Amino acid sequence: MLFFVVPVFLALWLFIHLNNRAGRLTETLRVWPNQIAVERHELNGEIKRWQTNPYWMRMNILPEGGPVDNYLTLKGADREIELGAFLSPDERIALHNDISAAIRDLGQHYA
């Protein structure tokens, strides 16, 4: 019986470990009137940062044909970044709408 139980517990431990590791991948998006900034914490500990002025930023969502469905990118400061790669296609659409609303609200608030 031990022959069957040990592999099950080892597999369970492995999946819990992988799930915890995947949870360390984060992206933080901050929006100010004069700047939008993204900070991405990779699984290997590397931190990637990107920023631009919201006025010059362009957001693009590709429903099909990208690496994933509803591929979301932000472009500005001569660089284009992918946003929300770990999200589902529906969550990327919601994120696109939330970012658009935040930037639109900034424009109305400071106009």
N, C-alpha and C. Protein backbone atom coordinates (compact mmCIF):
# COMPACT_ATOMS: atom_id res chain seq x y z
N MET A 1 0.82 -1.19 0.00
CA MET A 1 0.00 0.00 0.00
C MET A 1 0.87 1.26 0.00
N LEU A 2 1.99 1.22 0.69
CA LEU A 2 2.91 2.34 0.73
C LEU A 2 3.39 2.71 -0.67
N PHE A 3 3.49 1.73 -1.55
CA PHE A 3 3.92 1.93 -2.93
C PHE A 3 2.98 2.90 -3.67
N PHE A 4 1.69 2.92 -3.31
CA PHE A 4 0.72 3.80 -3.97
C PHE A 4 0.55 5.13 -3.24
N VAL A 5 0.72 5.14 -1.94
CA VAL A 5 0.49 6.35 -1.14
C VAL A 5 1.62 7.36 -1.29
N VAL A 6 2.86 6.92 -1.28
CA VAL A 6 4.00 7.83 -1.35
C VAL A 6 3.99 8.66 -2.63
N PRO A 7 3.80 8.08 -3.82
CA PRO A 7 3.76 8.93 -5.03
C PRO A 7 2.62 9.96 -5.00
N VAL A 8 1.49 9.60 -4.42
CA VAL A 8 0.37 10.55 -4.33
C VAL A 8 0.77 11.74 -3.47
N PHE A 9 1.38 11.49 -2.31
CA PHE A 9 1.80 12.59 -1.45
C PHE A 9 2.92 13.42 -2.07
N LEU A 10 3.82 12.77 -2.77
CA LEU A 10 4.88 13.53 -3.46
C LEU A 10 4.30 14.42 -4.56
N ALA A 11 3.35 13.89 -5.30
CA ALA A 11 2.70 14.69 -6.35
C ALA A 11 1.93 15.85 -5.73
N LEU A 12 1.23 15.61 -4.64
CA LEU A 12 0.49 16.66 -3.96
C LEU A 12 1.43 17.76 -3.47
N TRP A 13 2.56 17.37 -2.87
CA TRP A 13 3.54 18.35 -2.41
C TRP A 13 4.07 19.17 -3.58
N LEU A 14 4.37 18.51 -4.69
CA LEU A 14 4.89 19.20 -5.87
C LEU A 14 3.89 20.21 -6.40
N PHE A 15 2.63 19.83 -6.51
CA PHE A 15 1.61 20.76 -7.03
C PHE A 15 1.39 21.95 -6.09
N ILE A 16 1.44 21.72 -4.80
CA ILE A 16 1.32 22.83 -3.84
C ILE A 16 2.52 23.77 -3.98
N HIS A 17 3.70 23.21 -4.12
CA HIS A 17 4.91 24.01 -4.29
C HIS A 17 4.84 24.85 -5.59
N LEU A 18 4.43 24.24 -6.67
CA LEU A 18 4.33 24.96 -7.95
C LEU A 18 3.27 26.05 -7.88
N ASN A 19 2.17 25.79 -7.21
CA ASN A 19 1.11 26.79 -7.07
C ASN A 19 1.61 27.99 -6.26
N ASN A 20 2.33 27.74 -5.18
CA ASN A 20 2.88 28.83 -4.38
C ASN A 20 3.89 29.65 -5.17
N ARG A 21 4.69 28.96 -5.97
CA ARG A 21 5.68 29.66 -6.79
C ARG A 21 5.00 30.54 -7.83
N ALA A 22 3.96 30.03 -8.48
CA ALA A 22 3.24 30.82 -9.49
C ALA A 22 2.56 32.03 -8.87
N GLY A 23 2.20 31.95 -7.61
CA GLY A 23 1.56 33.07 -6.93
C GLY A 23 2.50 34.25 -6.71
N ARG A 24 3.79 34.04 -6.88
CA ARG A 24 4.76 35.14 -6.71
C ARG A 24 4.85 36.01 -7.96
N LEU A 25 4.29 35.60 -9.08
CA LEU A 25 4.29 36.40 -10.30
C LEU A 25 3.20 37.47 -10.15
N THR A 26 3.61 38.72 -10.10
CA THR A 26 2.64 39.81 -9.93
C THR A 26 2.95 40.96 -10.87
N GLU A 27 1.92 41.70 -11.18
CA GLU A 27 2.05 42.96 -11.92
C GLU A 27 1.28 44.01 -11.14
N THR A 28 1.90 45.16 -10.97
CA THR A 28 1.25 46.28 -10.30
C THR A 28 1.19 47.42 -11.29
N LEU A 29 -0.01 47.95 -11.48
CA LEU A 29 -0.22 49.07 -12.39
C LEU A 29 -0.67 50.25 -11.56
N ARG A 30 0.01 51.38 -11.73
CA ARG A 30 -0.36 52.59 -11.01
C ARG A 30 -0.59 53.70 -12.02
N VAL A 31 -1.62 54.49 -11.76
CA VAL A 31 -1.98 55.57 -12.68
C VAL A 31 -2.02 56.89 -11.90
N TRP A 32 -1.24 57.85 -12.37
CA TRP A 32 -1.24 59.21 -11.86
C TRP A 32 -1.58 60.14 -13.03
N PRO A 33 -1.89 61.38 -12.75
CA PRO A 33 -2.22 62.31 -13.86
C PRO A 33 -1.12 62.45 -14.89
N ASN A 34 0.14 62.37 -14.46
CA ASN A 34 1.24 62.58 -15.40
C ASN A 34 2.06 61.32 -15.67
N GLN A 35 1.62 60.18 -15.12
CA GLN A 35 2.42 58.96 -15.32
C GLN A 35 1.56 57.71 -15.12
N ILE A 36 1.84 56.71 -15.93
CA ILE A 36 1.30 55.37 -15.72
C ILE A 36 2.51 54.45 -15.61
N ALA A 37 2.51 53.58 -14.59
CA ALA A 37 3.69 52.75 -14.34
C ALA A 37 3.25 51.31 -14.10
N VAL A 38 4.05 50.39 -14.62
CA VAL A 38 3.83 48.95 -14.43
C VAL A 38 5.10 48.37 -13.83
N GLU A 39 4.91 47.57 -12.78
CA GLU A 39 6.03 46.86 -12.16
C GLU A 39 5.66 45.39 -12.15
N ARG A 40 6.52 44.57 -12.74
CA ARG A 40 6.26 43.12 -12.85
C ARG A 40 7.34 42.37 -12.09
N HIS A 41 6.92 41.53 -11.16
CA HIS A 41 7.81 40.68 -10.39
C HIS A 41 7.78 39.29 -11.01
N GLU A 42 8.89 38.89 -11.61
CA GLU A 42 9.00 37.60 -12.28
C GLU A 42 9.22 36.48 -11.26
N LEU A 43 9.01 35.23 -11.70
CA LEU A 43 9.22 34.08 -10.83
C LEU A 43 10.66 33.95 -10.37
N ASN A 44 11.60 34.39 -11.20
CA ASN A 44 13.02 34.26 -10.84
C ASN A 44 13.51 35.40 -9.95
N GLY A 45 12.59 36.28 -9.52
CA GLY A 45 12.94 37.39 -8.64
C GLY A 45 13.25 38.68 -9.36
N GLU A 46 13.37 38.63 -10.67
CA GLU A 46 13.67 39.83 -11.45
C GLU A 46 12.47 40.77 -11.41
N ILE A 47 12.75 42.07 -11.34
CA ILE A 47 11.69 43.08 -11.35
C ILE A 47 11.85 43.91 -12.62
N LYS A 48 10.77 43.99 -13.39
CA LYS A 48 10.77 44.79 -14.62
C LYS A 48 9.85 45.99 -14.41
N ARG A 49 10.33 47.16 -14.84
CA ARG A 49 9.55 48.38 -14.66
C ARG A 49 9.38 49.08 -16.01
N TRP A 50 8.22 49.72 -16.15
CA TRP A 50 7.90 50.47 -17.36
C TRP A 50 7.04 51.65 -16.94
N GLN A 51 7.25 52.79 -17.59
CA GLN A 51 6.41 53.96 -17.29
C GLN A 51 6.35 54.87 -18.50
N THR A 52 5.26 55.61 -18.55
CA THR A 52 5.08 56.59 -19.60
C THR A 52 4.02 57.59 -19.16
N ASN A 53 3.85 58.63 -19.93
CA ASN A 53 2.79 59.60 -19.69
C ASN A 53 1.48 59.03 -20.23
N PRO A 54 0.39 59.04 -19.45
CA PRO A 54 -0.88 58.48 -19.93
C PRO A 54 -1.39 59.12 -21.22
N TYR A 55 -1.05 60.39 -21.41
CA TYR A 55 -1.51 61.08 -22.62
C TYR A 55 -0.93 60.44 -23.88
N TRP A 56 0.30 59.97 -23.81
CA TRP A 56 0.97 59.40 -24.97
C TRP A 56 0.85 57.88 -25.05
N MET A 57 0.32 57.25 -24.01
CA MET A 57 0.20 55.81 -23.99
C MET A 57 -0.90 55.33 -24.93
N ARG A 58 -0.66 54.21 -25.57
CA ARG A 58 -1.66 53.56 -26.41
C ARG A 58 -1.87 52.14 -25.89
N MET A 59 -3.12 51.76 -25.74
CA MET A 59 -3.45 50.43 -25.27
C MET A 59 -4.08 49.67 -26.43
N ASN A 60 -3.69 48.41 -26.58
CA ASN A 60 -4.19 47.60 -27.68
C ASN A 60 -4.62 46.24 -27.13
N ILE A 61 -5.76 45.77 -27.61
CA ILE A 61 -6.19 44.42 -27.25
C ILE A 61 -6.47 43.67 -28.55
N LEU A 62 -5.85 42.53 -28.71
CA LEU A 62 -5.97 41.72 -29.91
C LEU A 62 -6.86 40.52 -29.60
N PRO A 63 -8.12 40.51 -30.08
CA PRO A 63 -9.02 39.39 -29.75
C PRO A 63 -8.47 38.04 -30.17
N GLU A 64 -7.87 37.98 -31.34
CA GLU A 64 -7.31 36.72 -31.84
C GLU A 64 -6.02 37.02 -32.58
N GLY A 65 -5.19 36.02 -32.74
CA GLY A 65 -3.96 36.18 -33.52
C GLY A 65 -2.74 36.53 -32.70
N GLY A 66 -2.92 36.84 -31.42
CA GLY A 66 -1.77 37.11 -30.56
C GLY A 66 -1.31 35.82 -29.90
N PRO A 67 -0.33 35.92 -29.03
CA PRO A 67 0.13 34.73 -28.31
C PRO A 67 -0.98 34.08 -27.48
N VAL A 68 -1.92 34.91 -27.00
CA VAL A 68 -3.09 34.43 -26.26
C VAL A 68 -4.31 35.20 -26.75
N ASP A 69 -5.50 34.68 -26.48
CA ASP A 69 -6.71 35.42 -26.84
C ASP A 69 -6.79 36.69 -26.00
N ASN A 70 -7.29 37.75 -26.62
CA ASN A 70 -7.40 39.06 -25.97
C ASN A 70 -6.05 39.51 -25.42
N TYR A 71 -5.07 39.46 -26.28
CA TYR A 71 -3.69 39.87 -25.96
C TYR A 71 -3.68 41.37 -25.69
N LEU A 72 -3.29 41.77 -24.49
CA LEU A 72 -3.34 43.16 -24.05
C LEU A 72 -1.94 43.74 -23.98
N THR A 73 -1.73 44.88 -24.66
CA THR A 73 -0.43 45.55 -24.62
C THR A 73 -0.62 47.03 -24.32
N LEU A 74 0.41 47.60 -23.73
CA LEU A 74 0.51 49.04 -23.51
C LEU A 74 1.74 49.52 -24.25
N LYS A 75 1.62 50.66 -24.94
CA LYS A 75 2.76 51.18 -25.70
C LYS A 75 2.97 52.63 -25.32
N GLY A 76 4.22 52.95 -25.08
CA GLY A 76 4.60 54.32 -24.75
C GLY A 76 6.08 54.35 -24.44
N ALA A 77 6.65 55.51 -24.50
CA ALA A 77 8.07 55.69 -24.23
C ALA A 77 8.91 54.75 -25.10
N ASP A 78 8.53 54.63 -26.37
CA ASP A 78 9.27 53.81 -27.34
C ASP A 78 9.37 52.34 -26.95
N ARG A 79 8.38 51.84 -26.20
CA ARG A 79 8.42 50.45 -25.78
C ARG A 79 6.99 49.93 -25.66
N GLU A 80 6.78 48.68 -26.03
CA GLU A 80 5.47 48.05 -25.89
C GLU A 80 5.61 46.86 -24.94
N ILE A 81 4.69 46.80 -23.97
CA ILE A 81 4.74 45.71 -23.00
C ILE A 81 3.43 44.94 -23.01
N GLU A 82 3.52 43.68 -22.66
CA GLU A 82 2.35 42.83 -22.50
C GLU A 82 1.86 42.98 -21.07
N LEU A 83 0.56 43.01 -20.91
CA LEU A 83 -0.02 43.18 -19.58
C LEU A 83 -1.01 42.05 -19.32
N GLY A 84 -0.94 41.46 -18.14
CA GLY A 84 -1.91 40.44 -17.73
C GLY A 84 -1.78 39.12 -18.46
N ALA A 85 -0.57 38.70 -18.76
CA ALA A 85 -0.36 37.44 -19.49
C ALA A 85 -0.90 36.24 -18.71
N PHE A 86 -0.92 36.34 -17.40
CA PHE A 86 -1.37 35.22 -16.56
C PHE A 86 -2.87 35.25 -16.30
N LEU A 87 -3.57 36.24 -16.86
CA LEU A 87 -5.02 36.35 -16.68
C LEU A 87 -5.75 35.56 -17.75
N SER A 88 -7.02 35.28 -17.50
CA SER A 88 -7.86 34.63 -18.50
C SER A 88 -8.24 35.67 -19.56
N PRO A 89 -8.70 35.24 -20.74
CA PRO A 89 -9.11 36.21 -21.77
C PRO A 89 -10.18 37.18 -21.28
N ASP A 90 -11.15 36.71 -20.51
CA ASP A 90 -12.19 37.60 -20.00
C ASP A 90 -11.63 38.60 -18.99
N GLU A 91 -10.67 38.16 -18.19
CA GLU A 91 -10.06 39.07 -17.21
C GLU A 91 -9.23 40.14 -17.91
N ARG A 92 -8.60 39.80 -19.04
CA ARG A 92 -7.85 40.81 -19.79
C ARG A 92 -8.78 41.86 -20.38
N ILE A 93 -9.97 41.46 -20.82
CA ILE A 93 -10.95 42.44 -21.32
C ILE A 93 -11.38 43.36 -20.19
N ALA A 94 -11.64 42.79 -19.01
CA ALA A 94 -12.05 43.59 -17.85
C ALA A 94 -10.93 44.56 -17.45
N LEU A 95 -9.67 44.08 -17.50
CA LEU A 95 -8.54 44.94 -17.18
C LEU A 95 -8.43 46.09 -18.18
N HIS A 96 -8.60 45.79 -19.45
CA HIS A 96 -8.59 46.81 -20.50
C HIS A 96 -9.64 47.88 -20.21
N ASN A 97 -10.85 47.45 -19.86
CA ASN A 97 -11.92 48.39 -19.57
C ASN A 97 -11.63 49.21 -18.32
N ASP A 98 -11.05 48.58 -17.29
CA ASP A 98 -10.72 49.30 -16.06
C ASP A 98 -9.64 50.35 -16.29
N ILE A 99 -8.62 50.00 -17.06
CA ILE A 99 -7.55 50.96 -17.36
C ILE A 99 -8.10 52.12 -18.18
N SER A 100 -8.92 51.81 -19.17
CA SER A 100 -9.53 52.87 -20.00
C SER A 100 -10.35 53.82 -19.15
N ALA A 101 -11.14 53.27 -18.22
CA ALA A 101 -11.97 54.10 -17.35
C ALA A 101 -11.12 54.97 -16.43
N ALA A 102 -10.04 54.40 -15.88
CA ALA A 102 -9.16 55.16 -14.99
C ALA A 102 -8.52 56.33 -15.72
N ILE A 103 -8.06 56.09 -16.93
CA ILE A 103 -7.41 57.16 -17.70
C ILE A 103 -8.44 58.20 -18.13
N ARG A 104 -9.62 57.75 -18.50
CA ARG A 104 -10.70 58.67 -18.87
C ARG A 104 -11.08 59.55 -17.67
N ASP A 105 -11.17 58.95 -16.49
CA ASP A 105 -11.50 59.70 -15.27
C ASP A 105 -10.42 60.72 -14.94
N LEU A 106 -9.16 60.36 -15.16
CA LEU A 106 -8.06 61.32 -14.94
C LEU A 106 -8.23 62.54 -15.82
N GLY A 107 -8.54 62.28 -17.08
CA GLY A 107 -8.72 63.39 -18.02
C GLY A 107 -9.85 64.31 -17.64
N GLN A 108 -10.95 63.75 -17.13
CA GLN A 108 -12.09 64.56 -16.72
C GLN A 108 -11.79 65.30 -15.41
N HIS A 109 -11.06 64.64 -14.52
CA HIS A 109 -10.77 65.23 -13.21
C HIS A 109 -9.81 66.40 -13.31
N TYR A 110 -8.85 66.31 -14.23
CA TYR A 110 -7.82 67.34 -14.35
C TYR A 110 -8.00 68.25 -15.55
N ALA A 111 -9.16 68.17 -16.20
CA ALA A 111 -9.39 69.01 -17.38
C ALA A 111 -9.77 70.41 -16.98
